[in-house]
Amino acid sequence: MSLPQPADPTIKKSVTLRRSLAEEIELRTGPRGFSRFVDQAAEYGLALLKADEIVADHERRTGPLPDEVMEEARRAWSGE
């Protein structure tokens, strides 16, 4: 996952999270690491959505990916 570049401007947004989730994040990051954690989580979530879109587009054009290809991708994703 890439870190934001210094020239990449930030924007302040208000989000609503479950209290238990926010507390668990803060326990791990401290109050000053909270925004960075959320930024990285959002970047990760977007990467997953983009990957899903790429696979869906490919499957629309060529048909479903073979099971062995999906299993190889799963193993690579999990670091096996």
C-alpha atoms as a PDB file:
ATOM      1  CA  MET A   1       0.000   0.000   0.000  1.00  0.00           C
ATOM      2  CA  SER A   2       1.434   3.376  -0.904  1.00  0.00           C
ATOM      3  CA  LEU A   3       1.719   6.216   1.539  1.00  0.00           C
ATOM      4  CA  PRO A   4       0.368   9.625   0.537  1.00  0.00           C
ATOM      5  CA  GLN A   5       2.949  11.785  -1.142  1.00  0.00           C
ATOM      6  CA  PRO A   6       3.805  15.104   0.546  1.00  0.00           C
ATOM      7  CA  ALA A   7       2.335  16.971  -2.436  1.00  0.00           C
ATOM      8  CA  ASP A   8      -0.959  15.056  -2.088  1.00  0.00           C
ATOM      9  CA  PRO A   9      -3.228  17.547  -0.284  1.00  0.00           C
ATOM     10  CA  THR A  10      -5.519  16.344   2.459  1.00  0.00           C
ATOM     11  CA  ILE A  11      -9.132  17.244   3.126  1.00  0.00           C
ATOM     12  CA  LYS A  12     -10.978  17.159   6.416  1.00  0.00           C
ATOM     13  CA  LYS A  13     -14.132  15.011   6.404  1.00  0.00           C
ATOM     14  CA  SER A  14     -16.531  13.983   9.108  1.00  0.00           C
ATOM     15  CA  VAL A  15     -17.318  10.261   9.307  1.00  0.00           C
ATOM     16  CA  THR A  16     -19.460   8.221  11.657  1.00  0.00           C
ATOM     17  CA  LEU A  17     -18.020   5.013  13.091  1.00  0.00           C
ATOM     18  CA  ARG A  18     -19.248   2.586  15.684  1.00  0.00           C
ATOM     19  CA  ARG A  19     -17.816   3.584  19.056  1.00  0.00           C
ATOM     20  CA  SER A  20     -16.302   0.123  19.633  1.00  0.00           C
ATOM     21  CA  LEU A  21     -14.511   0.258  16.266  1.00  0.00           C
ATOM     22  CA  ALA A  22     -13.167   3.755  16.864  1.00  0.00           C
ATOM     23  CA  GLU A  23     -11.946   2.774  20.334  1.00  0.00           C
ATOM     24  CA  GLU A  24     -10.199  -0.333  19.004  1.00  0.00           C
ATOM     25  CA  ILE A  25      -8.444   1.676  16.285  1.00  0.00           C
ATOM     26  CA  GLU A  26      -7.330   4.292  18.805  1.00  0.00           C
ATOM     27  CA  LEU A  27      -5.995   1.612  21.160  1.00  0.00           C
ATOM     28  CA  ARG A  28      -3.689   0.453  18.391  1.00  0.00           C
ATOM     29  CA  THR A  29      -2.768   3.774  16.805  1.00  0.00           C
ATOM     30  CA  GLY A  30      -3.115   6.351  19.548  1.00  0.00           C
ATOM     31  CA  PRO A  31      -5.244   9.424  18.927  1.00  0.00           C
ATOM     32  CA  ARG A  32      -2.662  10.956  16.555  1.00  0.00           C
ATOM     33  CA  GLY A  33      -2.548   7.890  14.282  1.00  0.00           C
ATOM     34  CA  PHE A  34      -6.294   7.587  13.828  1.00  0.00           C
ATOM     35  CA  SER A  35      -6.593   9.612  10.604  1.00  0.00           C
ATOM     36  CA  ARG A  36      -3.643   7.826   9.012  1.00  0.00           C
ATOM     37  CA  PHE A  37      -5.224   4.460   9.834  1.00  0.00           C
ATOM     38  CA  VAL A  38      -8.561   5.482   8.316  1.00  0.00           C
ATOM     39  CA  ASP A  39      -6.777   6.898   5.241  1.00  0.00           C
ATOM     40  CA  GLN A  40      -4.899   3.629   4.707  1.00  0.00           C
ATOM     41  CA  ALA A  41      -8.044   1.549   5.318  1.00  0.00           C
ATOM     42  CA  ALA A  42      -9.935   3.600   2.714  1.00  0.00           C
ATOM     43  CA  GLU A  43      -7.087   3.183   0.220  1.00  0.00           C
ATOM     44  CA  TYR A  44      -7.094  -0.579   0.825  1.00  0.00           C
ATOM     45  CA  GLY A  45     -10.883  -0.734   0.429  1.00  0.00           C
ATOM     46  CA  LEU A  46     -10.695   1.169  -2.858  1.00  0.00           C
ATOM     47  CA  ALA A  47      -7.986  -1.188  -4.131  1.00  0.00           C
ATOM     48  CA  LEU A  48     -10.289  -4.156  -3.431  1.00  0.00           C
ATOM     49  CA  LEU A  49     -13.202  -2.464  -5.204  1.00  0.00           C
ATOM     50  CA  LYS A  50     -11.015  -1.692  -8.230  1.00  0.00           C
ATOM     51  CA  ALA A  51      -9.778  -5.299  -8.339  1.00  0.00           C
ATOM     52  CA  ASP A  52     -13.382  -6.539  -8.253  1.00  0.00           C
ATOM     53  CA  GLU A  53     -14.259  -4.159 -11.098  1.00  0.00           C
ATOM     54  CA  ILE A  54     -11.325  -5.417 -13.189  1.00  0.00           C
ATOM     55  CA  VAL A  55     -12.307  -9.056 -12.657  1.00  0.00           C
ATOM     56  CA  ALA A  56     -15.987  -8.351 -13.382  1.00  0.00           C
ATOM     57  CA  ASP A  57     -15.082  -6.523 -16.610  1.00  0.00           C
ATOM     58  CA  HIS A  58     -12.788  -9.347 -17.694  1.00  0.00           C
ATOM     59  CA  GLU A  59     -15.446 -11.959 -16.945  1.00  0.00           C
ATOM     60  CA  ARG A  60     -18.076  -9.970 -18.894  1.00  0.00           C
ATOM     61  CA  ARG A  61     -15.782 -10.015 -21.907  1.00  0.00           C
ATOM     62  CA  THR A  62     -14.305 -13.526 -21.694  1.00  0.00           C
ATOM     63  CA  GLY A  63     -16.417 -15.588 -19.284  1.00  0.00           C
ATOM     64  CA  PRO A  64     -15.652 -16.732 -15.743  1.00  0.00           C
ATOM     65  CA  LEU A  65     -12.076 -17.164 -14.615  1.00  0.00           C
ATOM     66  CA  PRO A  66     -11.087 -20.816 -14.225  1.00  0.00           C
ATOM     67  CA  ASP A  67     -11.090 -22.179 -10.665  1.00  0.00           C
ATOM     68  CA  GLU A  68      -7.338 -22.789 -10.750  1.00  0.00           C
ATOM     69  CA  VAL A  69      -6.693 -19.128 -11.631  1.00  0.00           C
ATOM     70  CA  MET A  70      -8.936 -17.975  -8.787  1.00  0.00           C
ATOM     71  CA  GLU A  71      -7.169 -20.343  -6.352  1.00  0.00           C
ATOM     72  CA  GLU A  72      -3.751 -19.075  -7.486  1.00  0.00           C
ATOM     73  CA  ALA A  73      -4.913 -15.481  -6.953  1.00  0.00           C
ATOM     74  CA  ARG A  74      -6.261 -16.361  -3.499  1.00  0.00           C
ATOM     75  CA  ARG A  75      -2.947 -17.937  -2.500  1.00  0.00           C
ATOM     76  CA  ALA A  76      -0.975 -14.952  -3.806  1.00  0.00           C
ATOM     77  CA  TRP A  77      -3.268 -12.515  -1.985  1.00  0.00           C
ATOM     78  CA  SER A  78      -2.864 -14.361   1.312  1.00  0.00           C
ATOM     79  CA  GLY A  79       0.909 -14.670   0.889  1.00  0.00           C
ATOM     80  CA  GLU A  80       1.004 -18.440   0.478  1.00  0.00           C
END
